[in-house]
Amino acid sequence: MVPDDPADLLCGDPITEHTLAEPDAVELAGVFAALADPVRLRLLSIIASNDETCSCNLEAPLAKSQSTISHHTAKLAAAGLIVGERRGRWTWWRVVPEQLAALQSSLRVVQDHQA
């Protein structure tokens, strides 16, 4: 079949076949926004490297005050990357494995389609 417009011969396959759906992109953008801060990236890596991490152990490695750490953990928790459990004065944090897996999967899709 000959295309109606000869310029169509220069066009490739439809690009929407392997892209993120809009709702997925909106959700993922929120996660990336939470990770778009060096302190939060480091914070997530510290928490992810342990089964759980007490807030009291985050001040020294990050060289940040407890109130700053609370601000950043709240952002990560709102993005669904970590969950906390209050024990006495402190909150113990752990990663949400399903959210990290979804994040890794979305990055893998992008990487696979670039190859």
Protein backbone atom coordinates (compact mmCIF):
# COMPACT_ATOMS: atom_id res chain seq x y z
CA MET A 1 0.00 0.00 0.00
CA VAL A 2 1.34 3.40 -0.98
CA PRO A 3 1.04 6.11 1.69
CA ASP A 4 -1.16 9.10 0.92
CA ASP A 5 1.69 11.44 1.77
CA PRO A 6 5.17 10.64 0.44
CA ALA A 7 6.63 12.13 3.65
CA ASP A 8 5.11 9.14 5.49
CA LEU A 9 7.77 6.97 3.86
CA LEU A 10 10.36 8.74 6.02
CA CYS A 11 8.47 8.13 9.24
CA GLY A 12 9.22 5.13 11.46
CA ASP A 13 7.03 2.90 13.58
CA PRO A 14 4.57 4.42 16.07
CA ILE A 15 6.44 5.64 19.14
CA THR A 16 3.71 5.04 21.70
CA GLU A 17 3.96 1.26 21.71
CA HIS A 18 6.62 1.05 24.46
CA THR A 19 6.21 4.31 26.31
CA LEU A 20 4.83 5.03 29.77
CA ALA A 21 1.13 5.63 30.06
CA GLU A 22 0.31 9.12 31.32
CA PRO A 23 -0.88 8.02 34.81
CA ASP A 24 2.30 5.97 35.24
CA ALA A 25 4.41 8.91 34.10
CA VAL A 26 2.70 11.24 36.59
CA GLU A 27 3.28 8.81 39.46
CA LEU A 28 6.87 8.18 38.43
CA ALA A 29 7.54 11.92 38.14
CA GLY A 30 6.55 12.29 41.79
CA VAL A 31 9.05 9.61 42.75
CA PHE A 32 11.79 11.22 40.68
CA ALA A 33 10.97 14.61 42.20
CA ALA A 34 11.48 13.09 45.64
CA LEU A 35 14.84 11.74 44.49
CA ALA A 36 15.92 14.99 42.86
CA ASP A 37 17.82 16.08 45.94
CA PRO A 38 21.31 14.81 46.83
CA VAL A 39 20.46 14.54 50.54
CA ARG A 40 17.40 12.41 49.79
CA LEU A 41 19.38 10.19 47.43
CA ARG A 42 21.99 9.60 50.13
CA LEU A 43 19.30 9.11 52.73
CA LEU A 44 17.57 6.49 50.60
CA SER A 45 20.87 4.69 49.98
CA ILE A 46 21.62 4.57 53.71
CA ILE A 47 18.18 3.22 54.55
CA ALA A 48 18.25 0.74 51.65
CA SER A 49 21.61 -0.63 52.77
CA ASN A 50 20.04 -1.84 56.05
CA ASP A 51 16.92 -3.78 56.95
CA GLU A 52 15.83 -0.72 58.90
CA THR A 53 17.50 2.45 60.09
CA CYS A 54 16.77 4.61 63.10
CA SER A 55 16.43 8.35 62.49
CA CYS A 56 18.93 8.82 65.30
CA ASN A 57 21.61 7.23 63.11
CA LEU A 58 21.09 9.54 60.13
CA GLU A 59 22.40 12.85 61.48
CA ALA A 60 26.11 11.99 61.47
CA PRO A 61 26.48 10.46 57.99
CA LEU A 62 24.40 13.22 56.40
CA ALA A 63 25.76 16.07 58.54
CA LYS A 64 22.22 17.40 58.83
CA SER A 65 20.00 18.32 61.76
CA GLN A 66 17.20 16.05 62.89
CA SER A 67 14.61 18.52 61.60
CA THR A 68 16.21 18.50 58.14
CA ILE A 69 16.30 14.70 58.16
CA SER A 70 12.61 14.65 59.15
CA HIS A 71 11.80 16.94 56.23
CA HIS A 72 13.62 14.68 53.77
CA THR A 73 12.26 11.41 55.16
CA ALA A 74 8.74 12.87 54.88
CA LYS A 75 9.33 13.56 51.17
CA LEU A 76 10.63 10.03 50.57
CA ALA A 77 7.73 8.55 52.53
CA ALA A 78 5.18 10.63 50.60
CA ALA A 79 6.68 9.24 47.38
CA GLY A 80 6.18 5.74 48.75
CA LEU A 81 9.90 4.93 48.79
CA ILE A 82 10.22 4.41 52.55
CA VAL A 83 7.95 3.67 55.50
CA GLY A 84 8.56 4.50 59.12
CA GLU A 85 7.55 3.01 62.43
CA ARG A 86 7.59 5.18 65.52
CA ARG A 87 9.32 3.53 68.49
CA GLY A 88 9.47 5.82 71.47
CA ARG A 89 11.24 9.02 70.51
CA TRP A 90 12.60 7.77 67.18
CA THR A 91 11.26 6.59 63.84
CA TRP A 92 12.74 3.48 62.28
CA TRP A 93 12.78 3.59 58.47
CA ARG A 94 12.87 0.87 55.84
CA VAL A 95 12.53 0.91 52.07
CA VAL A 96 9.43 -0.24 50.26
CA PRO A 97 10.84 -3.02 48.07
CA GLU A 98 7.92 -2.95 45.62
CA GLN A 99 8.38 0.78 44.97
CA LEU A 100 12.12 0.37 44.39
CA ALA A 101 11.42 -2.56 42.07
CA ALA A 102 8.89 -0.47 40.12
CA LEU A 103 11.42 2.35 39.84
CA GLN A 104 14.12 -0.05 38.62
CA SER A 105 11.69 -1.61 36.18
CA SER A 106 10.73 1.74 34.68
CA LEU A 107 14.38 2.65 34.22
CA ARG A 108 15.05 -0.74 32.66
CA VAL A 109 12.25 -0.17 30.13
CA VAL A 110 13.84 3.12 29.10
CA GLN A 111 17.28 1.53 28.90
CA ASP A 112 16.05 -1.50 26.91
CA HIS A 113 14.41 0.74 24.32
CA GLN A 114 17.54 2.83 23.89
CA ALA A 115 19.66 -0.21 23.06
